[in-house]
Amino acid sequence: MSLEIIRAIVAFILGILLVDQYRRSTAGSRRRRAFALGTAAMLVIAISNLFTAALVPLMMIGGGLTLAAVWFLWQAYRRGELEDRFEQARNYLEAERRRYDEQDRGGSQHD
């Protein structure tokens, strides 16, 4: 299988994953816009890998859509739309830290 086809398949799969995230996000949020732009970017990148004659213009469009998606995701982060996700991550890390400390209380075998 050629490298272009593999890249197109990977971009298509990433686009499908972004569509799933789009559906799960809140309607009208910046996060949702970011996922929609990311999906469009992955679609453009997948198409550009299949048609090498249109590679440069399509890659520029795909890159622009990717940058716009990242910008919207950054805006969602700054305005607190992702606070619940960060809180879940903080809670998970704290639970893991406590679990690790409890396991390590017996002392290290290498001391």
PDB file of N, CA and C in Angstrom:
ATOM      1  N   MET A   1       0.848  -1.163   0.000  1.00  0.00           N
ATOM      2  CA  MET A   1       0.000   0.000   0.000  1.00  0.00           C
ATOM      3  C   MET A   1       0.904   1.240   0.000  1.00  0.00           C
ATOM      4  N   SER A   2       0.566   2.217  -0.787  1.00  0.00           N
ATOM      5  CA  SER A   2       1.416   3.405  -0.887  1.00  0.00           C
ATOM      6  C   SER A   2       1.244   4.305   0.343  1.00  0.00           C
ATOM      7  N   LEU A   3       2.247   5.128   0.563  1.00  0.00           N
ATOM      8  CA  LEU A   3       2.251   6.025   1.714  1.00  0.00           C
ATOM      9  C   LEU A   3       1.093   7.023   1.662  1.00  0.00           C
ATOM     10  N   GLU A   4       0.735   7.493   0.469  1.00  0.00           N
ATOM     11  CA  GLU A   4      -0.365   8.450   0.347  1.00  0.00           C
ATOM     12  C   GLU A   4      -1.690   7.838   0.790  1.00  0.00           C
ATOM     13  N   ILE A   5      -1.914   6.594   0.435  1.00  0.00           N
ATOM     14  CA  ILE A   5      -3.161   5.918   0.810  1.00  0.00           C
ATOM     15  C   ILE A   5      -3.214   5.709   2.320  1.00  0.00           C
ATOM     16  N   ILE A   6      -2.083   5.345   2.919  1.00  0.00           N
ATOM     17  CA  ILE A   6      -2.038   5.153   4.370  1.00  0.00           C
ATOM     18  C   ILE A   6      -2.335   6.468   5.086  1.00  0.00           C
ATOM     19  N   ARG A   7      -1.724   7.558   4.600  1.00  0.00           N
ATOM     20  CA  ARG A   7      -1.990   8.867   5.214  1.00  0.00           C
ATOM     21  C   ARG A   7      -3.452   9.261   5.047  1.00  0.00           C
ATOM     22  N   ALA A   8      -4.034   8.960   3.902  1.00  0.00           N
ATOM     23  CA  ALA A   8      -5.441   9.283   3.668  1.00  0.00           C
ATOM     24  C   ALA A   8      -6.343   8.492   4.614  1.00  0.00           C
ATOM     25  N   ILE A   9      -6.033   7.235   4.821  1.00  0.00           N
ATOM     26  CA  ILE A   9      -6.835   6.402   5.728  1.00  0.00           C
ATOM     27  C   ILE A   9      -6.725   6.917   7.156  1.00  0.00           C
ATOM     28  N   VAL A  10      -5.512   7.270   7.582  1.00  0.00           N
ATOM     29  CA  VAL A  10      -5.321   7.792   8.942  1.00  0.00           C
ATOM     30  C   VAL A  10      -6.081   9.109   9.118  1.00  0.00           C
ATOM     31  N   ALA A  11      -6.004  10.000   8.132  1.00  0.00           N
ATOM     32  CA  ALA A  11      -6.724  11.273   8.217  1.00  0.00           C
ATOM     33  C   ALA A  11      -8.231  11.036   8.251  1.00  0.00           C
ATOM     34  N   PHE A  12      -8.723  10.084   7.488  1.00  0.00           N
ATOM     35  CA  PHE A  12     -10.151   9.767   7.479  1.00  0.00           C
ATOM     36  C   PHE A  12     -10.595   9.231   8.842  1.00  0.00           C
ATOM     37  N   ILE A  13      -9.788   8.353   9.442  1.00  0.00           N
ATOM     38  CA  ILE A  13     -10.112   7.806  10.765  1.00  0.00           C
ATOM     39  C   ILE A  13     -10.125   8.914  11.814  1.00  0.00           C
ATOM     40  N   LEU A  14      -9.139   9.798  11.752  1.00  0.00           N
ATOM     41  CA  LEU A  14      -9.114  10.934  12.679  1.00  0.00           C
ATOM     42  C   LEU A  14     -10.351  11.811  12.492  1.00  0.00           C
ATOM     43  N   GLY A  15     -10.765  11.992  11.252  1.00  0.00           N
ATOM     44  CA  GLY A  15     -11.983  12.760  10.984  1.00  0.00           C
ATOM     45  C   GLY A  15     -13.206  12.121  11.609  1.00  0.00           C
ATOM     46  N   ILE A  16     -13.299  10.807  11.538  1.00  0.00           N
ATOM     47  CA  ILE A  16     -14.427  10.089  12.152  1.00  0.00           C
ATOM     48  C   ILE A  16     -14.414  10.273  13.667  1.00  0.00           C
ATOM     49  N   LEU A  17     -13.231  10.205  14.269  1.00  0.00           N
ATOM     50  CA  LEU A  17     -13.126  10.412  15.716  1.00  0.00           C
ATOM     51  C   LEU A  17     -13.522  11.837  16.107  1.00  0.00           C
ATOM     52  N   LEU A  18     -13.165  12.799  15.267  1.00  0.00           N
ATOM     53  CA  LEU A  18     -13.541  14.186  15.541  1.00  0.00           C
ATOM     54  C   LEU A  18     -15.045  14.403  15.394  1.00  0.00           C
ATOM     55  N   VAL A  19     -15.681  13.695  14.456  1.00  0.00           N
ATOM     56  CA  VAL A  19     -17.143  13.779  14.317  1.00  0.00           C
ATOM     57  C   VAL A  19     -17.813  13.273  15.593  1.00  0.00           C
ATOM     58  N   ASP A  20     -17.277  12.196  16.167  1.00  0.00           N
ATOM     59  CA  ASP A  20     -17.822  11.674  17.416  1.00  0.00           C
ATOM     60  C   ASP A  20     -17.698  12.707  18.534  1.00  0.00           C
ATOM     61  N   GLN A  21     -16.549  13.368  18.626  1.00  0.00           N
ATOM     62  CA  GLN A  21     -16.367  14.412  19.633  1.00  0.00           C
ATOM     63  C   GLN A  21     -17.308  15.604  19.375  1.00  0.00           C
ATOM     64  N   TYR A  22     -17.505  15.916  18.100  1.00  0.00           N
ATOM     65  CA  TYR A  22     -18.435  16.987  17.722  1.00  0.00           C
ATOM     66  C   TYR A  22     -19.832  16.682  18.238  1.00  0.00           C
ATOM     67  N   ARG A  23     -20.283  15.470  18.049  1.00  0.00           N
ATOM     68  CA  ARG A  23     -21.634  15.090  18.485  1.00  0.00           C
ATOM     69  C   ARG A  23     -21.783  15.140  19.995  1.00  0.00           C
ATOM     70  N   ARG A  24     -20.705  14.863  20.722  1.00  0.00           N
ATOM     71  CA  ARG A  24     -20.762  14.849  22.186  1.00  0.00           C
ATOM     72  C   ARG A  24     -20.670  16.248  22.800  1.00  0.00           C
ATOM     73  N   SER A  25     -20.175  17.212  22.056  1.00  0.00           N
ATOM     74  CA  SER A  25     -19.964  18.541  22.628  1.00  0.00           C
ATOM     75  C   SER A  25     -21.257  19.350  22.621  1.00  0.00           C
ATOM     76  N   THR A  26     -21.264  20.398  23.424  1.00  0.00           N
ATOM     77  CA  THR A  26     -22.436  21.244  23.593  1.00  0.00           C
ATOM     78  C   THR A  26     -22.702  22.066  22.334  1.00  0.00           C
ATOM     79  N   ALA A  27     -23.951  22.131  21.933  1.00  0.00           N
ATOM     80  CA  ALA A  27     -24.324  22.898  20.744  1.00  0.00           C
ATOM     81  C   ALA A  27     -23.964  24.370  20.930  1.00  0.00           C
ATOM     82  N   GLY A  28     -23.351  24.947  19.898  1.00  0.00           N
ATOM     83  CA  GLY A  28     -23.002  26.357  19.905  1.00  0.00           C
ATOM     84  C   GLY A  28     -21.714  26.699  20.618  1.00  0.00           C
ATOM     85  N   SER A  29     -21.024  25.702  21.161  1.00  0.00           N
ATOM     86  CA  SER A  29     -19.796  25.985  21.901  1.00  0.00           C
ATOM     87  C   SER A  29     -18.608  26.121  20.939  1.00  0.00           C
ATOM     88  N   ARG A  30     -17.585  26.775  21.410  1.00  0.00           N
ATOM     89  CA  ARG A  30     -16.358  26.896  20.621  1.00  0.00           C
ATOM     90  C   ARG A  30     -15.709  25.533  20.430  1.00  0.00           C
ATOM     91  N   ARG A  31     -15.874  24.704  21.413  1.00  0.00           N
ATOM     92  CA  ARG A  31     -15.335  23.350  21.326  1.00  0.00           C
ATOM     93  C   ARG A  31     -15.970  22.598  20.155  1.00  0.00           C
ATOM     94  N   ARG A  32     -17.247  22.761  19.999  1.00  0.00           N
ATOM     95  CA  ARG A  32     -17.951  22.096  18.902  1.00  0.00           C
ATOM     96  C   ARG A  32     -17.465  22.626  17.553  1.00  0.00           C
ATOM     97  N   ARG A  33     -17.272  23.948  17.479  1.00  0.00           N
ATOM     98  CA  ARG A  33     -16.733  24.530  16.239  1.00  0.00           C
ATOM     99  C   ARG A  33     -15.344  23.995  15.946  1.00  0.00           C
ATOM    100  N   ALA A  34     -14.540  23.847  16.998  1.00  0.00           N
ATOM    101  CA  ALA A  34     -13.181  23.327  16.821  1.00  0.00           C
ATOM    102  C   ALA A  34     -13.211  21.913  16.242  1.00  0.00           C
ATOM    103  N   PHE A  35     -14.099  21.073  16.764  1.00  0.00           N
ATOM    104  CA  PHE A  35     -14.200  19.711  16.252  1.00  0.00           C
ATOM    105  C   PHE A  35     -14.726  19.680  14.819  1.00  0.00           C
ATOM    106  N   ALA A  36     -15.653  20.578  14.496  1.00  0.00           N
ATOM    107  CA  ALA A  36     -16.169  20.638  13.121  1.00  0.00           C
ATOM    108  C   ALA A  36     -15.063  21.062  12.158  1.00  0.00           C
ATOM    109  N   LEU A  37     -14.296  22.071  12.532  1.00  0.00           N
ATOM    110  CA  LEU A  37     -13.187  22.500  11.672  1.00  0.00           C
ATOM    111  C   LEU A  37     -12.115  21.428  11.568  1.00  0.00           C
ATOM    112  N   GLY A  38     -11.853  20.744  12.664  1.00  0.00           N
ATOM    113  CA  GLY A  38     -10.883  19.648  12.631  1.00  0.00           C
ATOM    114  C   GLY A  38     -11.325  18.528  11.708  1.00  0.00           C
ATOM    115  N   THR A  39     -12.609  18.216  11.729  1.00  0.00           N
ATOM    116  CA  THR A  39     -13.149  17.196  10.825  1.00  0.00           C
ATOM    117  C   THR A  39     -12.984  17.621   9.371  1.00  0.00           C
ATOM    118  N   ALA A  40     -13.318  18.871   9.091  1.00  0.00           N
ATOM    119  CA  ALA A  40     -13.152  19.376   7.717  1.00  0.00           C
ATOM    120  C   ALA A  40     -11.696  19.334   7.298  1.00  0.00           C
ATOM    121  N   ALA A  41     -10.797  19.688   8.211  1.00  0.00           N
ATOM    122  CA  ALA A  41      -9.366  19.665   7.901  1.00  0.00           C
ATOM    123  C   ALA A  41      -8.908  18.245   7.576  1.00  0.00           C
ATOM    124  N   MET A  42      -9.341  17.278   8.358  1.00  0.00           N
ATOM    125  CA  MET A  42      -8.934  15.889   8.108  1.00  0.00           C
ATOM    126  C   MET A  42      -9.487  15.381   6.774  1.00  0.00           C
ATOM    127  N   LEU A  43     -10.688  15.803   6.435  1.00  0.00           N
ATOM    128  CA  LEU A  43     -11.270  15.414   5.146  1.00  0.00           C
ATOM    129  C   LEU A  43     -10.457  16.004   3.993  1.00  0.00           C
ATOM    130  N   VAL A  44     -10.097  17.269   4.104  1.00  0.00           N
ATOM    131  CA  VAL A  44      -9.299  17.916   3.053  1.00  0.00           C
ATOM    132  C   VAL A  44      -7.932  17.248   2.945  1.00  0.00           C
ATOM    133  N   ILE A  45      -7.321  16.943   4.077  1.00  0.00           N
ATOM    134  CA  ILE A  45      -6.003  16.293   4.057  1.00  0.00           C
ATOM    135  C   ILE A  45      -6.108  14.899   3.449  1.00  0.00           C
ATOM    136  N   ALA A  46      -7.156  14.159   3.777  1.00  0.00           N
ATOM    137  CA  ALA A  46      -7.341  12.823   3.201  1.00  0.00           C
ATOM    138  C   ALA A  46      -7.501  12.902   1.681  1.00  0.00           C
ATOM    139  N   ILE A  47      -8.302  13.856   1.201  1.00  0.00           N
ATOM    140  CA  ILE A  47      -8.503  14.020  -0.237  1.00  0.00           C
ATOM    141  C   ILE A  47      -7.203  14.443  -0.915  1.00  0.00           C
ATOM    142  N   SER A  48      -6.466  15.336  -0.280  1.00  0.00           N
ATOM    143  CA  SER A  48      -5.218  15.811  -0.890  1.00  0.00           C
ATOM    144  C   SER A  48      -4.188  14.698  -1.008  1.00  0.00           C
ATOM    145  N   ASN A  49      -4.221  13.740  -0.100  1.00  0.00           N
ATOM    146  CA  ASN A  49      -3.293  12.620  -0.201  1.00  0.00           C
ATOM    147  C   ASN A  49      -3.680  11.650  -1.311  1.00  0.00           C
ATOM    148  N   LEU A  50      -4.937  11.645  -1.676  1.00  0.00           N
ATOM    149  CA  LEU A  50      -5.371  10.764  -2.764  1.00  0.00           C
ATOM    150  C   LEU A  50      -5.141  11.390  -4.137  1.00  0.00           C
ATOM    151  N   PHE A  51      -5.194  12.700  -4.219  1.00  0.00           N
ATOM    152  CA  PHE A  51      -5.007  13.397  -5.488  1.00  0.00           C
ATOM    153  C   PHE A  51      -3.769  14.283  -5.384  1.00  0.00           C
ATOM    154  N   THR A  52      -2.630  13.734  -5.740  1.00  0.00           N
ATOM    155  CA  THR A  52      -1.362  14.442  -5.544  1.00  0.00           C
ATOM    156  C   THR A  52      -1.240  15.699  -6.397  1.00  0.00           C
ATOM    157  N   ALA A  53      -1.983  15.807  -7.487  1.00  0.00           N
ATOM    158  CA  ALA A  53      -1.909  17.014  -8.319  1.00  0.00           C
ATOM    159  C   ALA A  53      -2.452  18.227  -7.572  1.00  0.00           C
ATOM    160  N   ALA A  54      -3.395  18.004  -6.676  1.00  0.00           N
ATOM    161  CA  ALA A  54      -3.992  19.100  -5.919  1.00  0.00           C
ATOM    162  C   ALA A  54      -3.403  19.190  -4.508  1.00  0.00           C
ATOM    163  N   LEU A  55      -2.252  18.590  -4.327  1.00  0.00           N
ATOM    164  CA  LEU A  55      -1.679  18.466  -2.993  1.00  0.00           C
ATOM    165  C   LEU A  55      -1.413  19.809  -2.318  1.00  0.00           C
ATOM    166  N   VAL A  56      -0.728  20.708  -2.975  1.00  0.00           N
ATOM    167  CA  VAL A  56      -0.330  21.961  -2.322  1.00  0.00           C
ATOM    168  C   VAL A  56      -1.534  22.828  -1.939  1.00  0.00           C
ATOM    169  N   PRO A  57      -2.466  23.117  -2.864  1.00  0.00           N
ATOM    170  CA  PRO A  57      -3.597  23.955  -2.449  1.00  0.00           C
ATOM    171  C   PRO A  57      -4.458  23.296  -1.368  1.00  0.00           C
ATOM    172  N   LEU A  58      -4.691  22.004  -1.493  1.00  0.00           N
ATOM    173  CA  LEU A  58      -5.518  21.333  -0.499  1.00  0.00           C
ATOM    174  C   LEU A  58      -4.816  21.246   0.853  1.00  0.00           C
ATOM    175  N   MET A  59      -3.512  21.055   0.840  1.00  0.00           N
ATOM    176  CA  MET A  59      -2.778  21.009   2.109  1.00  0.00           C
ATOM    177  C   MET A  59      -2.795  22.383   2.783  1.00  0.00           C
ATOM    178  N   MET A  60      -2.747  23.448   2.007  1.00  0.00           N
ATOM    179  CA  MET A  60      -2.827  24.790   2.585  1.00  0.00           C
ATOM    180  C   MET A  60      -4.205  25.014   3.209  1.00  0.00           C
ATOM    181  N   ILE A  61      -5.244  24.585   2.515  1.00  0.00           N
ATOM    182  CA  ILE A  61      -6.599  24.705   3.068  1.00  0.00           C
ATOM    183  C   ILE A  61      -6.721  23.854   4.331  1.00  0.00           C
ATOM    184  N   GLY A  62      -6.231  22.615   4.264  1.00  0.00           N
ATOM    185  CA  GLY A  62      -6.278  21.728   5.432  1.00  0.00           C
ATOM    186  C   GLY A  62      -5.500  22.295   6.603  1.00  0.00           C
ATOM    187  N   GLY A  63      -4.343  22.869   6.331  1.00  0.00           N
ATOM    188  CA  GLY A  63      -3.557  23.495   7.394  1.00  0.00           C
ATOM    189  C   GLY A  63      -4.276  24.684   8.003  1.00  0.00           C
ATOM    190  N   GLY A  64      -4.917  25.486   7.166  1.00  0.00           N
ATOM    191  CA  GLY A  64      -5.681  26.625   7.674  1.00  0.00           C
ATOM    192  C   GLY A  64      -6.849  26.189   8.538  1.00  0.00           C
ATOM    193  N   LEU A  65      -7.551  25.150   8.104  1.00  0.00           N
ATOM    194  CA  LEU A  65      -8.662  24.629   8.905  1.00  0.00           C
ATOM    195  C   LEU A  65      -8.167  24.059  10.233  1.00  0.00           C
ATOM    196  N   THR A  66      -7.014  23.403  10.195  1.00  0.00           N
ATOM    197  CA  THR A  66      -6.437  22.855  11.424  1.00  0.00           C
ATOM    198  C   THR A  66      -6.087  23.970  12.397  1.00  0.00           C
ATOM    199  N   LEU A  67      -5.458  25.028  11.892  1.00  0.00           N
ATOM    200  CA  LEU A  67      -5.119  26.162  12.755  1.00  0.00           C
ATOM    201  C   LEU A  67      -6.373  26.812  13.340  1.00  0.00           C
ATOM    202  N   ALA A  68      -7.416  26.932  12.530  1.00  0.00           N
ATOM    203  CA  ALA A  68      -8.675  27.502  13.032  1.00  0.00           C
ATOM    204  C   ALA A  68      -9.280  26.606  14.115  1.00  0.00           C
ATOM    205  N   ALA A  69      -9.220  25.294  13.916  1.00  0.00           N
ATOM    206  CA  ALA A  69      -9.741  24.362  14.916  1.00  0.00           C
ATOM    207  C   ALA A  69      -8.972  24.479  16.227  1.00  0.00           C
ATOM    208  N   VAL A  70      -7.663  24.563  16.139  1.00  0.00           N
ATOM    209  CA  VAL A  70      -6.846  24.720  17.351  1.00  0.00           C
ATOM    210  C   VAL A  70      -7.168  26.043  18.035  1.00  0.00           C
ATOM    211  N   TRP A  71      -7.363  27.104  17.268  1.00  0.00           N
ATOM    212  CA  TRP A  71      -7.692  28.400  17.841  1.00  0.00           C
ATOM    213  C   TRP A  71      -9.021  28.346  18.601  1.00  0.00           C
ATOM    214  N   PHE A  72     -10.040  27.723  17.997  1.00  0.00           N
ATOM    215  CA  PHE A  72     -11.328  27.607  18.672  1.00  0.00           C
ATOM    216  C   PHE A  72     -11.218  26.757  19.930  1.00  0.00           C
ATOM    217  N   LEU A  73     -10.416  25.695  19.888  1.00  0.00           N
ATOM    218  CA  LEU A  73     -10.227  24.871  21.071  1.00  0.00           C
ATOM    219  C   LEU A  73      -9.523  25.664  22.166  1.00  0.00           C
ATOM    220  N   TRP A  74      -8.554  26.490  21.796  1.00  0.00           N
ATOM    221  CA  TRP A  74      -7.871  27.354  22.753  1.00  0.00           C
ATOM    222  C   TRP A  74      -8.857  28.351  23.367  1.00  0.00           C
ATOM    223  N   GLN A  75      -9.722  28.929  22.538  1.00  0.00           N
ATOM    224  CA  GLN A  75     -10.723  29.863  23.041  1.00  0.00           C
ATOM    225  C   GLN A  75     -11.694  29.163  24.002  1.00  0.00           C
ATOM    226  N   ALA A  76     -12.062  27.931  23.684  1.00  0.00           N
ATOM    227  CA  ALA A  76     -12.939  27.173  24.577  1.00  0.00           C
ATOM    228  C   ALA A  76     -12.255  26.941  25.921  1.00  0.00           C
ATOM    229  N   TYR A  77     -10.975  26.650  25.891  1.00  0.00           N
ATOM    230  CA  TYR A  77     -10.205  26.447  27.119  1.00  0.00           C
ATOM    231  C   TYR A  77     -10.161  27.735  27.942  1.00  0.00           C
ATOM    232  N   ARG A  78      -9.879  28.837  27.294  1.00  0.00           N
ATOM    233  CA  ARG A  78      -9.734  30.111  27.997  1.00  0.00           C
ATOM    234  C   ARG A  78     -11.048  30.607  28.587  1.00  0.00           C
ATOM    235  N   ARG A  79     -12.164  30.255  27.979  1.00  0.00           N
ATOM    236  CA  ARG A  79     -13.461  30.736  28.460  1.00  0.00           C
ATOM    237  C   ARG A  79     -14.155  29.741  29.389  1.00  0.00           C
ATOM    238  N   GLY A  80     -13.462  28.694  29.773  1.00  0.00           N
ATOM    239  CA  GLY A  80     -13.989  27.773  30.772  1.00  0.00           C
ATOM    240  C   GLY A  80     -14.877  26.673  30.255  1.00  0.00           C
ATOM    241  N   GLU A  81     -15.012  26.533  28.939  1.00  0.00           N
ATOM    242  CA  GLU A  81     -15.893  25.493  28.405  1.00  0.00           C
ATOM    243  C   GLU A  81     -15.335  24.101  28.657  1.00  0.00           C
ATOM    244  N   LEU A  82     -14.039  23.988  28.919  1.00  0.00           N
ATOM    245  CA  LEU A  82     -13.421  22.685  29.148  1.00  0.00           C
ATOM    246  C   LEU A  82     -13.143  22.423  30.622  1.00  0.00           C
ATOM    247  N   GLU A  83     -13.657  23.271  31.499  1.00  0.00           N
ATOM    248  CA  GLU A  83     -13.353  23.157  32.925  1.00  0.00           C
ATOM    249  C   GLU A  83     -13.741  21.794  33.487  1.00  0.00           C
ATOM    250  N   ASP A  84     -14.880  21.246  33.058  1.00  0.00           N
ATOM    251  CA  ASP A  84     -15.300  19.945  33.570  1.00  0.00           C
ATOM    252  C   ASP A  84     -14.308  18.855  33.192  1.00  0.00           C
ATOM    253  N   ARG A  85     -13.742  18.925  31.994  1.00  0.00           N
ATOM    254  CA  ARG A  85     -12.741  17.938  31.567  1.00  0.00           C
ATOM    255  C   ARG A  85     -11.470  18.056  32.398  1.00  0.00           C
ATOM    256  N   PHE A  86     -11.038  19.280  32.666  1.00  0.00           N
ATOM    257  CA  PHE A  86      -9.838  19.471  33.468  1.00  0.00           C
ATOM    258  C   PHE A  86     -10.066  19.021  34.909  1.00  0.00           C
ATOM    259  N   GLU A  87     -11.253  19.251  35.424  1.00  0.00           N
ATOM    260  CA  GLU A  87     -11.566  18.812  36.782  1.00  0.00           C
ATOM    261  C   GLU A  87     -11.541  17.294  36.873  1.00  0.00           C
ATOM    262  N   GLN A  88     -12.066  16.600  35.860  1.00  0.00           N
ATOM    263  CA  GLN A  88     -12.009  15.142  35.831  1.00  0.00           C
ATOM    264  C   GLN A  88     -10.561  14.666  35.805  1.00  0.00           C
ATOM    265  N   ALA A  89      -9.735  15.315  34.999  1.00  0.00           N
ATOM    266  CA  ALA A  89      -8.328  14.936  34.913  1.00  0.00           C
ATOM    267  C   ALA A  89      -7.620  15.174  36.243  1.00  0.00           C
ATOM    268  N   ARG A  90      -7.897  16.308  36.900  1.00  0.00           N
ATOM    269  CA  ARG A  90      -7.299  16.594  38.209  1.00  0.00           C
ATOM    270  C   ARG A  90      -7.704  15.541  39.234  1.00  0.00           C
ATOM    271  N   ASN A  91      -8.974  15.188  39.265  1.00  0.00           N
ATOM    272  CA  ASN A  91      -9.451  14.173  40.209  1.00  0.00           C
ATOM    273  C   ASN A  91      -8.792  12.825  39.950  1.00  0.00           C
ATOM    274  N   TYR A  92      -8.676  12.465  38.682  1.00  0.00           N
ATOM    275  CA  TYR A  92      -8.042  11.195  38.328  1.00  0.00           C
ATOM    276  C   TYR A  92      -6.574  11.187  38.763  1.00  0.00           C
ATOM    277  N   LEU A  93      -5.856  12.271  38.482  1.00  0.00           N
ATOM    278  CA  LEU A  93      -4.443  12.338  38.860  1.00  0.00           C
ATOM    279  C   LEU A  93      -4.269  12.294  40.369  1.00  0.00           C
ATOM    280  N   GLU A  94      -5.140  12.972  41.101  1.00  0.00           N
ATOM    281  CA  GLU A  94      -5.060  12.950  42.561  1.00  0.00           C
ATOM    282  C   GLU A  94      -5.316  11.546  43.103  1.00  0.00           C
ATOM    283  N   ALA A  95      -6.300  10.843  42.546  1.00  0.00           N
ATOM    284  CA  ALA A  95      -6.587   9.469  42.979  1.00  0.00           C
ATOM    285  C   ALA A  95      -5.402   8.554  42.677  1.00  0.00           C
ATOM    286  N   GLU A  96      -4.799   8.715  41.512  1.00  0.00           N
ATOM    287  CA  GLU A  96      -3.627   7.905  41.161  1.00  0.00           C
ATOM    288  C   GLU A  96      -2.451   8.216  42.072  1.00  0.00           C
ATOM    289  N   ARG A  97      -2.264   9.484  42.408  1.00  0.00           N
ATOM    290  CA  ARG A  97      -1.173   9.881  43.296  1.00  0.00           C
ATOM    291  C   ARG A  97      -1.366   9.259  44.680  1.00  0.00           C
ATOM    292  N   ARG A  98      -2.618   9.286  45.186  1.00  0.00           N
ATOM    293  CA  ARG A  98      -2.891   8.669  46.484  1.00  0.00           C
ATOM    294  C   ARG A  98      -2.652   7.164  46.439  1.00  0.00           C
ATOM    295  N   ARG A  99      -3.078   6.524  45.365  1.00  0.00           N
ATOM    296  CA  ARG A  99      -2.889   5.077  45.226  1.00  0.00           C
ATOM    297  C   ARG A  99      -1.408   4.738  45.188  1.00  0.00           C
ATOM    298  N   TYR A 100      -0.648   5.518  44.465  1.00  0.00           N
ATOM    299  CA  TYR A 100       0.793   5.288  44.362  1.00  0.00           C
ATOM    300  C   TYR A 100       1.463   5.484  45.724  1.00  0.00           C
ATOM    301  N   ASP A 101       1.076   6.532  46.460  1.00  0.00           N
ATOM    302  CA  ASP A 101       1.652   6.780  47.785  1.00  0.00           C
ATOM    303  C   ASP A 101       1.322   5.651  48.744  1.00  0.00           C
ATOM    304  N   GLU A 102       0.107   5.117  48.675  1.00  0.00           N
ATOM    305  CA  GLU A 102      -0.276   4.012  49.546  1.00  0.00           C
ATOM    306  C   GLU A 102       0.531   2.760  49.235  1.00  0.00           C
ATOM    307  N   GLN A 103       0.796   2.515  47.978  1.00  0.00           N
ATOM    308  CA  GLN A 103       1.591   1.352  47.593  1.00  0.00           C
ATOM    309  C   GLN A 103       3.050   1.517  48.000  1.00  0.00           C
ATOM    310  N   ASP A 104       3.538   2.728  48.027  1.00  0.00           N
ATOM    311  CA  ASP A 104       4.951   2.985  48.297  1.00  0.00           C
ATOM    312  C   ASP A 104       5.241   3.114  49.791  1.00  0.00           C
ATOM    313  N   ARG A 105       4.233   3.101  50.632  1.00  0.00           N
ATOM    314  CA  ARG A 105       4.447   3.273  52.075  1.00  0.00           C
ATOM    315  C   ARG A 105       5.281   2.135  52.667  1.00  0.00           C
ATOM    316  N   GLY A 106       5.251   0.986  52.051  1.00  0.00           N
ATOM    317  CA  GLY A 106       6.013  -0.148  52.564  1.00  0.00           C
ATOM    318  C   GLY A 106       7.511   0.048  52.370  1.00  0.00           C
ATOM    319  N   GLY A 107       7.908   1.050  51.624  1.00  0.00           N
ATOM    320  CA  GLY A 107       9.329   1.304  51.387  1.00  0.00           C
ATOM    321  C   GLY A 107       9.775   0.649  50.104  1.00  0.00           C
ATOM    322  N   SER A 108      10.830   1.163  49.601  1.00  0.00           N
ATOM    323  CA  SER A 108      11.369   0.628  48.350  1.00  0.00           C
ATOM    324  C   SER A 108      12.259  -0.570  48.624  1.00  0.00           C
ATOM    325  N   GLN A 109      12.260  -1.515  47.765  1.00  0.00           N
ATOM    326  CA  GLN A 109      13.106  -2.703  47.921  1.00  0.00           C
ATOM    327  C   GLN A 109      14.550  -2.411  47.534  1.00  0.00           C
ATOM    328  N   HIS A 110      14.791  -1.292  46.880  1.00  0.00           N
ATOM    329  CA  HIS A 110      16.121  -0.972  46.391  1.00  0.00           C
ATOM    330  C   HIS A 110      16.863  -0.038  47.328  1.00  0.00           C
ATOM    331  N   ASP A 111      16.314   0.287  48.530  1.00  0.00           N
ATOM    332  CA  ASP A 111      16.982   1.207  49.463  1.00  0.00           C
ATOM    333  C   ASP A 111      18.116   0.535  50.185  1.00  0.00           C
TER     334      ASP A 111
END
